[in-house]
Amino acid sequence: MKTVSAVFSVLVALATLPAYAGVTRHDIYNATSSCAWFTLDVGGPSVFFKWENVHGKFLKPGEHVFFTINSTEKLKIRAQVQRYPDCTGGQTADLNIVEKNQFTHLGPSETTLFEPGGHFKLKWGKP
């Protein structure tokens, strides 16, 4: 009987593992005519959490990058748009977008910086 109980405990632990551990993929697309510095911050389940920066990278116009991050319940993407396509000229816009899921960790996702009508915006999803 102890063997059955031990096996059952292991199966329960394995079944709940994906909800608490693992990694996921996040893609970022720069669909603008300007360079931008992108950062990814993650947050924990507590209401008193602090954002933790886990990645940062310049993306020139038309570039795409993906990051592998630890599973999380909160993800913030920040885009600091530079004046020129070669990542010079100083910052012209500072945007962020937050994705939250109270009940489970977020899965793979995408974020796109785009420029409708000459105004920079971030959105979830591909270009």
N, C-alpha and C. Protein backbone atom coordinates (compact mmCIF):
# COMPACT_ATOMS: atom_id res chain seq x y z
N MET A 1 0.82 -1.20 0.00
CA MET A 1 0.00 0.00 0.00
C MET A 1 0.87 1.27 0.00
N LYS A 2 2.04 1.20 0.68
CA LYS A 2 2.93 2.35 0.70
C LYS A 2 3.44 2.67 -0.70
N THR A 3 3.68 1.64 -1.51
CA THR A 3 4.17 1.84 -2.88
C THR A 3 3.14 2.58 -3.71
N VAL A 4 1.87 2.20 -3.59
CA VAL A 4 0.80 2.86 -4.35
C VAL A 4 0.69 4.31 -3.93
N SER A 5 0.77 4.57 -2.64
CA SER A 5 0.69 5.94 -2.13
C SER A 5 1.87 6.77 -2.62
N ALA A 6 3.07 6.20 -2.63
CA ALA A 6 4.25 6.91 -3.10
C ALA A 6 4.15 7.23 -4.58
N VAL A 7 3.70 6.25 -5.37
CA VAL A 7 3.54 6.46 -6.82
C VAL A 7 2.50 7.54 -7.08
N PHE A 8 1.40 7.50 -6.34
CA PHE A 8 0.35 8.50 -6.50
C PHE A 8 0.90 9.89 -6.17
N SER A 9 1.69 10.03 -5.12
CA SER A 9 2.27 11.32 -4.75
C SER A 9 3.18 11.85 -5.85
N VAL A 10 3.98 10.99 -6.44
CA VAL A 10 4.87 11.39 -7.53
C VAL A 10 4.06 11.84 -8.74
N LEU A 11 3.01 11.12 -9.08
CA LEU A 11 2.17 11.49 -10.22
C LEU A 11 1.49 12.84 -10.00
N VAL A 12 1.01 13.09 -8.80
CA VAL A 12 0.38 14.37 -8.50
C VAL A 12 1.41 15.50 -8.62
N ALA A 13 2.61 15.27 -8.11
CA ALA A 13 3.67 16.28 -8.21
C ALA A 13 4.01 16.58 -9.66
N LEU A 14 4.12 15.56 -10.49
CA LEU A 14 4.44 15.75 -11.90
C LEU A 14 3.32 16.45 -12.64
N ALA A 15 2.09 16.14 -12.29
CA ALA A 15 0.94 16.75 -12.97
C ALA A 15 0.85 18.24 -12.68
N THR A 16 1.30 18.66 -11.51
CA THR A 16 1.22 20.08 -11.17
C THR A 16 2.48 20.85 -11.53
N LEU A 17 3.53 20.18 -11.93
CA LEU A 17 4.81 20.83 -12.23
C LEU A 17 4.72 21.92 -13.29
N PRO A 18 4.04 21.73 -14.42
CA PRO A 18 4.02 22.79 -15.44
C PRO A 18 3.42 24.10 -14.95
N ALA A 19 2.56 24.05 -13.96
CA ALA A 19 1.95 25.27 -13.45
C ALA A 19 2.93 26.08 -12.61
N TYR A 20 4.01 25.48 -12.15
CA TYR A 20 4.92 26.18 -11.25
C TYR A 20 6.34 26.32 -11.78
N ALA A 21 6.68 25.63 -12.84
CA ALA A 21 8.06 25.67 -13.32
C ALA A 21 8.08 25.59 -14.83
N GLY A 22 9.24 25.83 -15.38
CA GLY A 22 9.40 25.70 -16.82
C GLY A 22 9.77 27.02 -17.46
N VAL A 23 9.90 26.97 -18.76
CA VAL A 23 10.24 28.16 -19.53
C VAL A 23 9.24 28.32 -20.66
N THR A 24 9.18 29.52 -21.18
CA THR A 24 8.30 29.82 -22.29
C THR A 24 9.01 30.79 -23.23
N ARG A 25 8.47 30.96 -24.40
CA ARG A 25 9.08 31.80 -25.44
C ARG A 25 8.25 33.07 -25.60
N HIS A 26 8.98 34.19 -25.76
CA HIS A 26 8.32 35.45 -26.07
C HIS A 26 9.02 36.09 -27.25
N ASP A 27 8.25 36.38 -28.31
CA ASP A 27 8.78 37.00 -29.53
C ASP A 27 8.47 38.50 -29.52
N ILE A 28 9.42 39.29 -30.02
CA ILE A 28 9.23 40.73 -30.16
C ILE A 28 9.54 41.12 -31.59
N TYR A 29 8.65 41.94 -32.16
CA TYR A 29 8.79 42.40 -33.54
C TYR A 29 8.85 43.93 -33.54
N ASN A 30 9.78 44.49 -34.32
CA ASN A 30 9.83 45.93 -34.53
C ASN A 30 9.34 46.20 -35.95
N ALA A 31 8.07 46.59 -36.06
CA ALA A 31 7.45 46.86 -37.36
C ALA A 31 7.37 48.36 -37.61
N THR A 32 8.43 49.09 -37.23
CA THR A 32 8.46 50.54 -37.43
C THR A 32 9.66 50.93 -38.29
N SER A 33 9.79 52.22 -38.52
CA SER A 33 10.94 52.73 -39.28
C SER A 33 12.04 53.23 -38.35
N SER A 34 11.89 53.00 -37.04
CA SER A 34 12.87 53.46 -36.06
C SER A 34 13.43 52.28 -35.26
N CYS A 35 14.59 52.49 -34.69
CA CYS A 35 15.19 51.52 -33.78
C CYS A 35 14.52 51.68 -32.40
N ALA A 36 14.49 50.60 -31.62
CA ALA A 36 13.94 50.69 -30.26
C ALA A 36 14.69 49.74 -29.34
N TRP A 37 14.85 50.17 -28.09
CA TRP A 37 15.40 49.34 -27.03
C TRP A 37 14.23 48.67 -26.33
N PHE A 38 14.20 47.34 -26.34
CA PHE A 38 13.13 46.57 -25.72
C PHE A 38 13.63 45.92 -24.44
N THR A 39 12.80 45.93 -23.41
CA THR A 39 13.11 45.19 -22.20
C THR A 39 11.93 44.30 -21.84
N LEU A 40 12.23 43.14 -21.25
CA LEU A 40 11.22 42.22 -20.73
C LEU A 40 11.39 42.16 -19.23
N ASP A 41 10.29 42.41 -18.52
CA ASP A 41 10.28 42.31 -17.06
C ASP A 41 9.23 41.28 -16.67
N VAL A 42 9.52 40.50 -15.64
CA VAL A 42 8.57 39.51 -15.13
C VAL A 42 8.20 39.86 -13.70
N GLY A 43 7.00 39.43 -13.32
CA GLY A 43 6.52 39.67 -11.97
C GLY A 43 5.94 38.39 -11.39
N GLY A 44 6.01 38.27 -10.09
CA GLY A 44 5.54 37.07 -9.40
C GLY A 44 4.08 37.15 -9.00
N PRO A 45 3.61 36.13 -8.30
CA PRO A 45 2.20 36.03 -7.95
C PRO A 45 1.75 36.96 -6.83
N SER A 46 2.66 37.48 -6.03
CA SER A 46 2.29 38.30 -4.89
C SER A 46 1.78 39.67 -5.35
N VAL A 47 0.87 40.25 -4.58
CA VAL A 47 0.42 41.61 -4.88
C VAL A 47 1.51 42.62 -4.55
N PHE A 48 2.52 42.20 -3.80
CA PHE A 48 3.63 43.07 -3.42
C PHE A 48 4.87 42.82 -4.27
N PHE A 49 4.69 42.22 -5.44
CA PHE A 49 5.82 41.86 -6.28
C PHE A 49 6.53 43.10 -6.80
N LYS A 50 7.77 42.92 -7.19
CA LYS A 50 8.53 43.95 -7.90
C LYS A 50 8.87 43.38 -9.26
N TRP A 51 8.85 44.23 -10.28
CA TRP A 51 9.25 43.79 -11.61
C TRP A 51 10.73 43.45 -11.61
N GLU A 52 11.06 42.36 -12.28
CA GLU A 52 12.45 41.93 -12.43
C GLU A 52 12.81 41.94 -13.91
N ASN A 53 13.82 42.72 -14.28
CA ASN A 53 14.25 42.77 -15.66
C ASN A 53 15.02 41.50 -16.01
N VAL A 54 14.60 40.83 -17.10
CA VAL A 54 15.25 39.58 -17.48
C VAL A 54 15.94 39.63 -18.84
N HIS A 55 15.57 40.58 -19.70
CA HIS A 55 16.20 40.70 -21.02
C HIS A 55 16.11 42.14 -21.51
N GLY A 56 17.03 42.50 -22.40
CA GLY A 56 16.99 43.79 -23.07
C GLY A 56 17.78 43.71 -24.37
N LYS A 57 17.29 44.42 -25.41
CA LYS A 57 17.97 44.36 -26.70
C LYS A 57 17.47 45.48 -27.61
N PHE A 58 18.40 46.07 -28.39
CA PHE A 58 18.02 47.00 -29.46
C PHE A 58 17.54 46.19 -30.65
N LEU A 59 16.43 46.64 -31.25
CA LEU A 59 15.96 46.06 -32.51
C LEU A 59 15.84 47.17 -33.54
N LYS A 60 16.49 47.00 -34.66
CA LYS A 60 16.39 47.95 -35.76
C LYS A 60 15.08 47.70 -36.52
N PRO A 61 14.69 48.61 -37.41
CA PRO A 61 13.44 48.44 -38.15
C PRO A 61 13.36 47.08 -38.84
N GLY A 62 12.22 46.42 -38.69
CA GLY A 62 11.98 45.14 -39.34
C GLY A 62 12.59 43.94 -38.64
N GLU A 63 13.35 44.14 -37.57
CA GLU A 63 13.98 43.01 -36.89
C GLU A 63 13.02 42.32 -35.93
N HIS A 64 13.35 41.08 -35.63
CA HIS A 64 12.57 40.22 -34.73
C HIS A 64 13.54 39.47 -33.84
N VAL A 65 13.17 39.26 -32.59
CA VAL A 65 13.99 38.48 -31.68
C VAL A 65 13.05 37.67 -30.79
N PHE A 66 13.54 36.53 -30.31
CA PHE A 66 12.76 35.82 -29.29
C PHE A 66 13.63 35.59 -28.08
N PHE A 67 12.98 35.60 -26.94
CA PHE A 67 13.65 35.35 -25.67
C PHE A 67 12.98 34.15 -25.01
N THR A 68 13.76 33.37 -24.32
CA THR A 68 13.24 32.29 -23.49
C THR A 68 13.27 32.79 -22.06
N ILE A 69 12.11 32.76 -21.41
CA ILE A 69 12.02 33.26 -20.04
C ILE A 69 11.39 32.19 -19.16
N ASN A 70 11.64 32.30 -17.87
CA ASN A 70 10.97 31.41 -16.93
C ASN A 70 9.48 31.69 -16.94
N SER A 71 8.67 30.66 -16.77
CA SER A 71 7.23 30.85 -16.71
C SER A 71 6.89 31.88 -15.64
N THR A 72 5.91 32.70 -15.93
CA THR A 72 5.54 33.78 -15.02
C THR A 72 4.05 34.09 -15.16
N GLU A 73 3.53 34.78 -14.18
CA GLU A 73 2.12 35.19 -14.21
C GLU A 73 1.95 36.61 -14.74
N LYS A 74 3.05 37.38 -14.76
CA LYS A 74 3.00 38.77 -15.23
C LYS A 74 4.21 39.05 -16.11
N LEU A 75 3.95 39.71 -17.23
CA LEU A 75 5.01 40.04 -18.18
C LEU A 75 4.82 41.48 -18.64
N LYS A 76 5.89 42.27 -18.57
CA LYS A 76 5.83 43.66 -19.04
C LYS A 76 6.88 43.84 -20.12
N ILE A 77 6.45 44.39 -21.26
CA ILE A 77 7.36 44.71 -22.36
C ILE A 77 7.44 46.23 -22.45
N ARG A 78 8.67 46.73 -22.49
CA ARG A 78 8.89 48.16 -22.62
C ARG A 78 9.65 48.42 -23.91
N ALA A 79 9.24 49.45 -24.65
CA ALA A 79 9.92 49.86 -25.88
C ALA A 79 10.30 51.32 -25.75
N GLN A 80 11.59 51.60 -25.85
CA GLN A 80 12.09 52.96 -25.84
C GLN A 80 12.57 53.26 -27.26
N VAL A 81 11.73 53.99 -27.99
CA VAL A 81 11.97 54.25 -29.41
C VAL A 81 13.01 55.34 -29.57
N GLN A 82 13.98 55.07 -30.45
CA GLN A 82 15.05 56.03 -30.75
C GLN A 82 14.68 56.83 -32.00
N ARG A 83 15.28 57.99 -32.14
CA ARG A 83 14.93 58.89 -33.25
C ARG A 83 15.26 58.30 -34.62
N TYR A 84 16.40 57.60 -34.74
CA TYR A 84 16.86 57.14 -36.05
C TYR A 84 16.94 55.62 -36.13
N PRO A 85 16.89 55.06 -37.34
CA PRO A 85 16.94 53.60 -37.54
C PRO A 85 18.24 52.94 -37.08
N ASP A 86 19.33 53.72 -36.97
CA ASP A 86 20.60 53.13 -36.53
C ASP A 86 20.78 53.19 -35.01
N CYS A 87 19.70 53.44 -34.28
CA CYS A 87 19.67 53.44 -32.81
C CYS A 87 20.38 54.64 -32.20
N THR A 88 20.40 55.76 -32.92
CA THR A 88 21.00 57.00 -32.41
C THR A 88 19.93 58.09 -32.37
N GLY A 89 20.32 59.26 -31.88
CA GLY A 89 19.45 60.42 -31.92
C GLY A 89 18.62 60.65 -30.68
N GLY A 90 18.70 59.77 -29.71
CA GLY A 90 17.94 59.95 -28.47
C GLY A 90 16.56 59.35 -28.54
N GLN A 91 15.96 59.22 -27.38
CA GLN A 91 14.65 58.58 -27.24
C GLN A 91 13.53 59.52 -27.64
N THR A 92 12.57 59.01 -28.43
CA THR A 92 11.42 59.83 -28.83
C THR A 92 10.10 59.34 -28.24
N ALA A 93 10.06 58.09 -27.78
CA ALA A 93 8.84 57.54 -27.17
C ALA A 93 9.23 56.46 -26.18
N ASP A 94 8.42 56.31 -25.13
CA ASP A 94 8.64 55.31 -24.10
C ASP A 94 7.30 54.63 -23.82
N LEU A 95 7.16 53.39 -24.25
CA LEU A 95 5.88 52.67 -24.16
C LEU A 95 6.05 51.39 -23.36
N ASN A 96 4.96 50.94 -22.74
CA ASN A 96 5.00 49.60 -22.14
C ASN A 96 3.61 48.97 -22.21
N ILE A 97 3.61 47.66 -22.16
CA ILE A 97 2.38 46.88 -22.21
C ILE A 97 2.55 45.73 -21.22
N VAL A 98 1.49 45.41 -20.49
CA VAL A 98 1.55 44.39 -19.44
C VAL A 98 0.53 43.30 -19.73
N GLU A 99 0.96 42.06 -19.57
CA GLU A 99 0.07 40.90 -19.69
C GLU A 99 0.05 40.20 -18.33
N LYS A 100 -1.16 39.93 -17.82
CA LYS A 100 -1.30 39.28 -16.52
C LYS A 100 -2.25 38.10 -16.62
N ASN A 101 -2.02 37.11 -15.79
CA ASN A 101 -2.91 35.98 -15.67
C ASN A 101 -2.91 35.58 -14.20
N GLN A 102 -4.01 35.77 -13.52
CA GLN A 102 -4.07 35.53 -12.08
C GLN A 102 -4.02 34.06 -11.71
N PHE A 103 -4.47 33.19 -12.58
CA PHE A 103 -4.71 31.81 -12.19
C PHE A 103 -3.66 30.82 -12.67
N THR A 104 -2.88 31.19 -13.66
CA THR A 104 -1.87 30.27 -14.18
C THR A 104 -0.77 31.06 -14.87
N HIS A 105 0.30 30.41 -15.18
CA HIS A 105 1.42 31.09 -15.85
C HIS A 105 1.07 31.34 -17.31
N LEU A 106 1.65 32.39 -17.84
CA LEU A 106 1.44 32.75 -19.24
C LEU A 106 2.17 31.76 -20.14
N GLY A 107 1.63 31.51 -21.29
CA GLY A 107 2.30 30.66 -22.26
C GLY A 107 3.09 31.51 -23.24
N PRO A 108 3.50 30.92 -24.35
CA PRO A 108 4.23 31.67 -25.37
C PRO A 108 3.40 32.86 -25.87
N SER A 109 4.07 33.96 -26.20
CA SER A 109 3.34 35.12 -26.68
C SER A 109 4.24 35.98 -27.56
N GLU A 110 3.62 36.96 -28.21
CA GLU A 110 4.32 37.87 -29.09
C GLU A 110 3.91 39.30 -28.79
N THR A 111 4.84 40.23 -29.03
CA THR A 111 4.56 41.67 -28.90
C THR A 111 5.13 42.35 -30.14
N THR A 112 4.38 43.33 -30.65
CA THR A 112 4.82 44.08 -31.83
C THR A 112 4.78 45.57 -31.54
N LEU A 113 5.88 46.26 -31.90
CA LEU A 113 5.91 47.72 -31.92
C LEU A 113 5.53 48.12 -33.33
N PHE A 114 4.50 48.96 -33.45
CA PHE A 114 4.08 49.41 -34.78
C PHE A 114 3.84 50.91 -34.74
N GLU A 115 3.53 51.49 -35.91
CA GLU A 115 3.52 52.94 -36.06
C GLU A 115 2.33 53.42 -36.90
N PRO A 116 1.10 53.23 -36.41
CA PRO A 116 -0.04 53.69 -37.20
C PRO A 116 -0.18 55.21 -37.16
N GLY A 117 -0.29 55.82 -38.31
CA GLY A 117 -0.48 57.27 -38.38
C GLY A 117 0.65 58.08 -37.76
N GLY A 118 1.85 57.52 -37.74
CA GLY A 118 3.00 58.25 -37.20
C GLY A 118 3.13 58.22 -35.69
N HIS A 119 2.27 57.44 -35.01
CA HIS A 119 2.33 57.32 -33.55
C HIS A 119 2.74 55.90 -33.18
N PHE A 120 3.69 55.77 -32.30
CA PHE A 120 4.18 54.45 -31.90
C PHE A 120 3.22 53.80 -30.91
N LYS A 121 2.99 52.48 -31.10
CA LYS A 121 2.12 51.72 -30.21
C LYS A 121 2.66 50.30 -30.06
N LEU A 122 2.37 49.69 -28.91
CA LEU A 122 2.69 48.28 -28.68
C LEU A 122 1.39 47.49 -28.67
N LYS A 123 1.44 46.28 -29.20
CA LYS A 123 0.27 45.42 -29.17
C LYS A 123 0.73 43.98 -28.95
N TRP A 124 -0.17 43.16 -28.39
CA TRP A 124 0.10 41.72 -28.29
C TRP A 124 -0.16 41.11 -29.65
N GLY A 125 0.66 40.19 -30.05
CA GLY A 125 0.49 39.50 -31.32
C GLY A 125 1.56 39.87 -32.34
N LYS A 126 1.50 39.17 -33.46
CA LYS A 126 2.46 39.38 -34.55
C LYS A 126 2.06 40.59 -35.37
N PRO A 127 3.02 41.09 -36.20
CA PRO A 127 2.69 42.26 -37.05
C PRO A 127 1.57 41.96 -38.03
